[in-house]
N, C-alpha and C. Protein backbone atom coordinates (compact mmCIF):
# COMPACT_ATOMS: atom_id res chain seq x y z
N MET A 1 -3.67 21.92 11.54
CA MET A 1 -3.53 20.68 11.73
C MET A 1 -2.88 20.40 13.26
N THR A 2 -3.31 19.32 13.86
CA THR A 2 -2.79 19.27 15.27
C THR A 2 -1.33 18.47 15.23
N GLU A 3 -0.76 18.47 16.10
CA GLU A 3 0.62 17.87 16.32
C GLU A 3 0.48 16.39 16.10
N THR A 4 -0.67 15.68 16.49
CA THR A 4 -0.99 14.31 16.42
C THR A 4 -1.15 14.18 14.77
N GLN A 5 -1.96 14.84 14.27
CA GLN A 5 -2.40 14.80 12.70
C GLN A 5 -0.90 15.01 12.08
N THR A 6 -0.21 16.03 12.36
CA THR A 6 1.11 15.93 11.54
C THR A 6 2.16 14.87 11.75
N ASN A 7 2.14 14.18 13.11
CA ASN A 7 2.97 13.10 13.45
C ASN A 7 2.46 11.79 12.49
N THR A 8 1.13 11.69 12.58
CA THR A 8 0.36 10.67 11.87
C THR A 8 0.72 10.72 10.36
N LEU A 9 0.57 11.95 9.89
CA LEU A 9 0.95 12.05 8.36
C LEU A 9 2.29 11.71 8.11
N ALA A 10 3.29 12.32 8.93
CA ALA A 10 4.66 11.89 8.74
C ALA A 10 4.97 10.40 8.64
N ILE A 11 4.51 9.83 9.56
CA ILE A 11 4.74 8.37 9.64
C ILE A 11 4.02 7.55 8.36
N ALA A 12 2.82 8.00 8.08
CA ALA A 12 2.16 7.45 6.92
C ALA A 12 2.78 7.96 5.49
N GLN A 13 3.37 8.97 5.35
CA GLN A 13 4.17 9.23 4.40
C GLN A 13 5.62 8.44 4.23
N ALA A 14 6.08 8.30 5.31
CA ALA A 14 7.29 7.35 5.23
C ALA A 14 6.89 5.89 4.88
N ALA A 15 5.73 5.61 5.40
CA ALA A 15 5.25 4.21 5.00
C ALA A 15 4.96 4.05 3.41
N PHE A 16 4.35 5.24 3.01
CA PHE A 16 3.99 5.10 1.67
C PHE A 16 5.12 5.02 0.73
N GLU A 17 6.29 5.84 1.04
CA GLU A 17 7.66 5.70 0.43
C GLU A 17 8.21 4.27 0.36
N LYS A 18 8.04 3.64 1.55
CA LYS A 18 8.59 2.31 1.57
C LYS A 18 7.71 1.35 0.72
N LEU A 19 6.47 1.66 0.85
CA LEU A 19 5.49 0.75 0.01
C LEU A 19 5.90 1.01 -1.44
N THR A 20 6.04 2.34 -1.76
CA THR A 20 6.42 2.51 -3.39
C THR A 20 7.66 1.88 -3.72
N HIS A 21 8.55 1.77 -2.92
CA HIS A 21 9.78 1.19 -3.18
C HIS A 21 9.66 -0.43 -3.35
N GLY A 22 8.82 -0.92 -2.39
CA GLY A 22 8.50 -2.49 -2.61
C GLY A 22 7.71 -2.63 -3.90
N LEU A 23 6.90 -2.01 -4.23
CA LEU A 23 6.25 -2.04 -5.48
C LEU A 23 7.26 -2.11 -6.70
N ALA A 24 8.02 -1.17 -6.75
CA ALA A 24 9.00 -0.97 -7.81
C ALA A 24 9.99 -1.97 -7.82
N THR A 25 10.50 -2.59 -6.72
CA THR A 25 11.65 -3.34 -6.53
C THR A 25 11.25 -4.80 -6.14
N GLY A 26 10.30 -4.93 -5.33
CA GLY A 26 10.11 -6.35 -4.83
C GLY A 26 10.67 -6.51 -3.41
N GLU A 27 11.24 -5.36 -3.11
CA GLU A 27 12.10 -5.19 -1.73
C GLU A 27 11.14 -4.77 -0.61
N TRP A 28 10.62 -5.67 0.34
CA TRP A 28 9.58 -5.31 1.15
C TRP A 28 10.06 -5.11 2.50
N GLU A 29 11.25 -5.49 3.00
CA GLU A 29 11.61 -5.68 4.32
C GLU A 29 11.26 -4.21 4.99
N GLN A 30 11.86 -3.16 4.37
CA GLN A 30 11.69 -1.75 4.96
C GLN A 30 10.24 -1.60 5.33
N PHE A 31 9.32 -1.86 4.37
CA PHE A 31 7.78 -1.71 4.81
C PHE A 31 7.41 -2.55 5.85
N LEU A 32 7.74 -3.84 5.70
CA LEU A 32 7.31 -4.77 6.81
C LEU A 32 7.84 -4.46 8.24
N ASP A 33 9.03 -3.78 8.20
CA ASP A 33 9.49 -3.39 9.47
C ASP A 33 8.72 -2.34 10.20
N ILE A 34 7.92 -1.57 9.48
CA ILE A 34 7.32 -0.53 10.22
C ILE A 34 5.73 -0.80 10.48
N LEU A 35 5.35 -2.20 10.30
CA LEU A 35 4.17 -2.62 10.56
C LEU A 35 4.12 -3.14 12.11
N THR A 36 3.00 -2.85 12.79
CA THR A 36 2.80 -3.66 14.17
C THR A 36 2.76 -5.05 14.12
N ASP A 37 3.06 -5.77 15.20
CA ASP A 37 2.86 -7.22 15.25
C ASP A 37 1.41 -7.80 15.08
N ASP A 38 0.52 -6.88 15.41
CA ASP A 38 -0.99 -7.44 15.17
C ASP A 38 -1.54 -6.66 13.85
N PHE A 39 -0.59 -6.29 12.95
CA PHE A 39 -1.10 -5.63 11.78
C PHE A 39 -2.19 -6.40 10.99
N THR A 40 -3.20 -5.67 10.44
CA THR A 40 -4.28 -6.03 9.73
C THR A 40 -4.46 -5.46 8.31
N PHE A 41 -4.72 -6.16 7.28
CA PHE A 41 -4.98 -5.48 6.04
C PHE A 41 -6.25 -5.98 5.43
N TRP A 42 -6.88 -5.22 4.56
CA TRP A 42 -8.07 -5.63 3.88
C TRP A 42 -7.68 -5.30 2.31
N PHE A 43 -8.05 -6.56 1.64
CA PHE A 43 -7.78 -6.33 0.22
C PHE A 43 -9.07 -6.72 -0.56
N PRO A 44 -9.42 -5.98 -1.78
CA PRO A 44 -10.75 -6.23 -2.39
C PRO A 44 -10.99 -7.39 -3.24
N VAL A 45 -9.97 -8.15 -3.67
CA VAL A 45 -10.07 -9.21 -4.63
C VAL A 45 -9.05 -10.24 -4.43
N GLY A 46 -9.33 -11.47 -5.18
CA GLY A 46 -8.39 -12.50 -5.20
C GLY A 46 -8.08 -13.22 -3.98
N LYS A 47 -7.06 -14.03 -3.94
CA LYS A 47 -6.83 -14.99 -2.75
C LYS A 47 -6.65 -14.21 -1.49
N PHE A 48 -6.39 -12.97 -1.55
CA PHE A 48 -6.26 -12.36 -0.24
C PHE A 48 -7.36 -11.41 0.03
N HIS A 49 -8.48 -11.59 -0.55
CA HIS A 49 -9.84 -10.89 -0.38
C HIS A 49 -10.35 -10.86 1.10
N GLY A 50 -10.62 -9.64 1.33
CA GLY A 50 -11.21 -9.68 2.71
C GLY A 50 -10.17 -9.05 3.63
N LEU A 51 -10.54 -9.45 5.17
CA LEU A 51 -9.59 -9.16 6.16
C LEU A 51 -8.48 -10.14 6.40
N ASN A 52 -7.22 -9.62 6.48
CA ASN A 52 -6.11 -10.52 6.69
C ASN A 52 -5.35 -9.96 7.98
N LYS A 53 -4.76 -11.06 8.81
CA LYS A 53 -4.19 -10.47 9.98
C LYS A 53 -2.65 -11.02 10.12
N GLY A 54 -1.99 -10.24 10.64
CA GLY A 54 -0.72 -10.45 10.98
C GLY A 54 0.54 -10.26 9.88
N LYS A 55 1.69 -9.90 10.52
CA LYS A 55 2.74 -9.58 9.57
C LYS A 55 3.17 -10.82 8.71
N ASP A 56 3.06 -12.05 9.25
CA ASP A 56 3.41 -13.24 8.05
C ASP A 56 2.23 -13.25 6.99
N ARG A 57 1.03 -12.96 7.37
CA ARG A 57 0.16 -12.95 6.13
C ARG A 57 0.57 -11.78 5.21
N ALA A 58 0.99 -10.45 5.70
CA ALA A 58 1.26 -9.47 4.97
C ALA A 58 2.42 -9.77 4.37
N ARG A 59 3.35 -10.45 4.72
CA ARG A 59 4.61 -10.87 4.03
C ARG A 59 4.15 -11.75 2.78
N GLU A 60 3.36 -12.80 3.14
CA GLU A 60 2.84 -13.56 1.89
C GLU A 60 2.11 -12.55 0.88
N PHE A 61 1.26 -11.80 1.36
CA PHE A 61 0.75 -10.87 0.28
C PHE A 61 1.53 -10.10 -0.47
N PHE A 62 2.57 -9.38 0.10
CA PHE A 62 3.41 -8.61 -0.71
C PHE A 62 4.29 -9.54 -1.58
N LYS A 63 4.66 -10.63 -1.31
CA LYS A 63 5.48 -11.48 -2.03
C LYS A 63 4.51 -11.80 -3.28
N TYR A 64 3.40 -12.11 -3.04
CA TYR A 64 2.29 -12.38 -4.24
C TYR A 64 2.25 -11.07 -5.14
N VAL A 65 2.22 -9.88 -4.59
CA VAL A 65 2.31 -8.76 -5.25
C VAL A 65 3.57 -8.55 -6.23
N SER A 66 4.62 -9.21 -5.61
CA SER A 66 6.01 -9.04 -6.40
C SER A 66 6.05 -10.10 -7.51
N GLU A 67 5.32 -11.17 -7.26
CA GLU A 67 5.19 -12.18 -8.33
C GLU A 67 4.25 -11.56 -9.40
N ALA A 68 3.04 -11.12 -9.19
CA ALA A 68 2.09 -10.45 -10.14
C ALA A 68 2.80 -9.45 -10.92
N TYR A 69 3.65 -8.43 -10.26
CA TYR A 69 4.34 -7.44 -10.97
C TYR A 69 5.80 -7.49 -11.01
N SER A 70 6.36 -8.71 -11.55
CA SER A 70 7.60 -9.16 -11.48
C SER A 70 8.55 -8.17 -12.13
N GLU A 71 8.10 -7.22 -12.99
CA GLU A 71 9.01 -6.32 -13.57
C GLU A 71 8.92 -4.89 -12.73
N GLY A 72 7.96 -4.96 -11.72
CA GLY A 72 7.76 -3.76 -10.90
C GLY A 72 6.56 -3.00 -11.31
N LEU A 73 6.04 -2.26 -10.20
CA LEU A 73 4.85 -1.39 -10.49
C LEU A 73 5.18 0.00 -10.18
N SER A 74 4.87 0.90 -10.90
CA SER A 74 5.49 2.43 -10.65
C SER A 74 4.18 3.29 -10.31
N ILE A 75 4.45 4.10 -9.44
CA ILE A 75 3.45 5.12 -9.10
C ILE A 75 3.57 6.08 -10.18
N THR A 76 2.50 6.39 -10.94
CA THR A 76 2.51 7.48 -11.95
C THR A 76 1.96 8.69 -11.58
N SER A 77 1.10 8.81 -10.50
CA SER A 77 0.74 10.13 -10.01
C SER A 77 0.16 10.14 -8.62
N LEU A 78 0.46 10.72 -7.70
CA LEU A 78 -0.18 10.73 -6.39
C LEU A 78 -1.20 12.05 -6.44
N ASP A 79 -2.32 11.59 -6.55
CA ASP A 79 -3.56 12.57 -6.62
C ASP A 79 -3.97 13.21 -5.55
N ARG A 80 -3.97 12.60 -4.37
CA ARG A 80 -4.40 13.27 -3.12
C ARG A 80 -4.08 12.60 -2.12
N ILE A 81 -3.89 13.42 -0.77
CA ILE A 81 -3.44 12.78 0.49
C ILE A 81 -4.60 13.23 1.53
N THR A 82 -5.42 12.41 2.18
CA THR A 82 -6.32 13.12 3.22
C THR A 82 -5.85 12.41 4.51
N SER A 83 -6.00 13.03 5.56
CA SER A 83 -5.60 12.72 6.89
C SER A 83 -6.19 13.25 8.01
N ASN A 84 -6.36 12.37 9.18
CA ASN A 84 -7.02 12.78 10.30
C ASN A 84 -5.88 12.28 11.58
N GLU A 85 -6.39 12.18 12.75
CA GLU A 85 -5.46 11.92 13.79
C GLU A 85 -4.87 10.35 13.79
N THR A 86 -5.66 9.57 13.25
CA THR A 86 -5.06 8.13 13.12
C THR A 86 -5.01 7.48 11.93
N THR A 87 -5.53 8.22 10.76
CA THR A 87 -5.68 7.68 9.47
C THR A 87 -5.26 8.42 8.36
N VAL A 88 -4.56 7.99 7.34
CA VAL A 88 -4.06 8.81 6.10
C VAL A 88 -4.50 7.91 4.95
N VAL A 89 -5.14 8.68 3.94
CA VAL A 89 -5.60 8.01 2.70
C VAL A 89 -4.62 8.56 1.60
N PHE A 90 -4.11 7.62 0.83
CA PHE A 90 -3.65 8.12 -0.56
C PHE A 90 -4.22 7.61 -1.60
N GLU A 91 -4.52 8.60 -2.49
CA GLU A 91 -5.10 8.23 -3.83
C GLU A 91 -4.08 8.47 -4.99
N PHE A 92 -3.79 7.42 -5.76
CA PHE A 92 -2.73 7.55 -6.72
C PHE A 92 -3.15 6.52 -7.89
N ARG A 93 -2.19 6.79 -8.95
CA ARG A 93 -2.33 5.87 -10.12
C ARG A 93 -1.00 5.06 -10.23
N ASP A 94 -1.20 3.96 -10.69
CA ASP A 94 0.01 2.96 -11.00
C ASP A 94 0.04 2.14 -12.19
N GLU A 95 1.13 1.94 -12.65
CA GLU A 95 0.97 1.10 -13.85
C GLU A 95 2.46 0.21 -14.02
N GLY A 96 2.24 -0.86 -14.72
CA GLY A 96 3.21 -1.76 -14.99
C GLY A 96 2.73 -3.23 -15.54
N PRO A 97 3.54 -3.97 -15.93
CA PRO A 97 3.03 -5.40 -16.43
C PRO A 97 2.46 -6.24 -15.24
N MET A 98 1.28 -6.67 -15.28
CA MET A 98 0.70 -7.53 -14.29
C MET A 98 0.59 -8.86 -14.92
N TRP A 99 1.42 -9.82 -14.45
CA TRP A 99 1.50 -11.27 -15.09
C TRP A 99 1.90 -11.04 -16.60
N GLY A 100 2.78 -10.18 -16.85
CA GLY A 100 3.23 -9.87 -18.27
C GLY A 100 2.45 -9.04 -19.22
N LYS A 101 1.26 -8.61 -18.66
CA LYS A 101 0.27 -7.88 -19.61
C LYS A 101 0.18 -6.43 -19.11
N PRO A 102 0.08 -5.58 -19.99
CA PRO A 102 -0.11 -4.10 -19.47
C PRO A 102 -1.23 -3.77 -18.51
N TYR A 103 -0.89 -3.04 -17.67
CA TYR A 103 -1.94 -2.92 -16.53
C TYR A 103 -1.84 -1.44 -16.00
N LYS A 104 -3.05 -0.69 -15.83
CA LYS A 104 -2.91 0.75 -15.13
C LYS A 104 -4.01 0.69 -14.25
N ASN A 105 -3.93 1.34 -13.02
CA ASN A 105 -4.66 1.22 -12.01
C ASN A 105 -4.97 2.52 -11.19
N ARG A 106 -6.13 2.73 -10.62
CA ARG A 106 -6.41 3.65 -9.77
C ARG A 106 -6.46 3.20 -8.41
N VAL A 107 -5.91 3.70 -7.36
CA VAL A 107 -5.70 3.13 -6.14
C VAL A 107 -6.20 4.19 -4.93
N ALA A 108 -6.87 3.64 -3.97
CA ALA A 108 -6.81 4.39 -2.70
C ALA A 108 -6.67 3.42 -1.78
N ILE A 109 -5.46 3.80 -0.79
CA ILE A 109 -5.05 2.93 0.39
C ILE A 109 -5.11 3.95 1.48
N SER A 110 -5.42 3.16 2.65
CA SER A 110 -5.43 4.00 3.95
C SER A 110 -4.55 3.09 4.87
N PHE A 111 -3.86 3.97 5.65
CA PHE A 111 -2.85 3.48 6.65
C PHE A 111 -3.49 3.86 7.94
N ASP A 112 -3.81 2.97 8.90
CA ASP A 112 -3.87 3.44 10.18
C ASP A 112 -2.75 3.36 11.00
N VAL A 113 -2.51 4.55 11.88
CA VAL A 113 -1.20 4.69 12.39
C VAL A 113 -1.47 4.64 13.96
N ARG A 114 -0.59 3.74 14.78
CA ARG A 114 -0.60 3.57 16.10
C ARG A 114 0.95 3.79 16.57
N GLY A 115 1.13 4.87 17.42
CA GLY A 115 2.60 5.34 17.80
C GLY A 115 3.38 5.57 16.46
N ASP A 116 4.47 4.83 16.32
CA ASP A 116 5.29 5.24 15.09
C ASP A 116 5.37 4.17 14.12
N LYS A 117 4.10 3.07 14.22
CA LYS A 117 4.04 2.16 13.35
C LYS A 117 2.69 2.08 12.48
N ILE A 118 2.57 1.46 11.43
CA ILE A 118 1.31 1.11 10.60
C ILE A 118 0.62 -0.07 11.32
N CYS A 119 -0.53 -0.05 11.82
CA CYS A 119 -1.24 -1.18 12.41
C CYS A 119 -2.25 -1.78 11.52
N ALA A 120 -2.81 -0.89 10.42
CA ALA A 120 -3.73 -1.54 9.41
C ALA A 120 -3.71 -0.85 7.95
N TYR A 121 -4.04 -1.43 7.06
CA TYR A 121 -3.95 -1.10 5.69
C TYR A 121 -5.25 -1.52 4.90
N ARG A 122 -5.86 -0.68 4.11
CA ARG A 122 -7.03 -1.06 3.35
C ARG A 122 -6.76 -0.58 1.95
N GLU A 123 -7.07 -1.33 0.99
CA GLU A 123 -6.95 -0.99 -0.31
C GLU A 123 -8.22 -1.12 -1.18
N TYR A 124 -8.44 -0.10 -1.92
CA TYR A 124 -9.52 0.02 -2.88
C TYR A 124 -8.99 0.34 -4.31
N LEU A 125 -9.46 -0.42 -5.22
CA LEU A 125 -8.96 -0.29 -6.54
C LEU A 125 -10.02 -0.15 -7.68
N GLY A 126 -9.69 0.31 -8.91
CA GLY A 126 -10.25 0.24 -9.94
C GLY A 126 -9.49 0.50 -11.37
N SER A 127 -9.69 -0.27 -12.06
CA SER A 127 -8.77 -0.29 -13.36
C SER A 127 -8.80 0.99 -14.17
N ASP A 128 -7.66 1.49 -14.48
CA ASP A 128 -7.66 2.67 -15.38
C ASP A 128 -7.59 2.31 -16.86
N GLY A 129 -7.83 0.94 -17.12
CA GLY A 129 -7.72 0.39 -18.49
C GLY A 129 -6.56 -0.06 -18.69
N LYS A 130 -6.30 -0.67 -19.92
CA LYS A 130 -5.15 -1.31 -20.50
C LYS A 130 -4.25 -0.19 -21.14
N SER A 131 -2.84 -0.16 -21.07
CA SER A 131 -2.06 0.73 -21.78
C SER A 131 -1.83 0.32 -23.05
N ASN A 132 -1.69 1.09 -23.88
CA ASN A 132 -1.31 0.60 -25.50
C ASN A 132 0.13 0.33 -25.58
């Protein structure tokens, strides 16, 4: 692994920890602080479907996530991390009540890293079914 890859991975792992904290608690400022001003994110469904631009839009999105998972969303397993010079992909499973109903999910997210910040985020998901 090159030094650039090592740095990219370390920055993305720190961002993932802050994302995990936000999902569990609804506290997003630490995560938002590590985003570039021209941050973009892509989401596969709902009112944020497609490409979204800017930290303000990200703030709206993560506020909405906290509303959907008002009791928090927990990462139950981190299955794989794949990285290169600029991008890190995390594959994981999560669960928690979504709008008050049991929810389980398999997720792959990618962070694009520029300098010591996250400049882009993409999310891909597929339901793991309802929990009993």
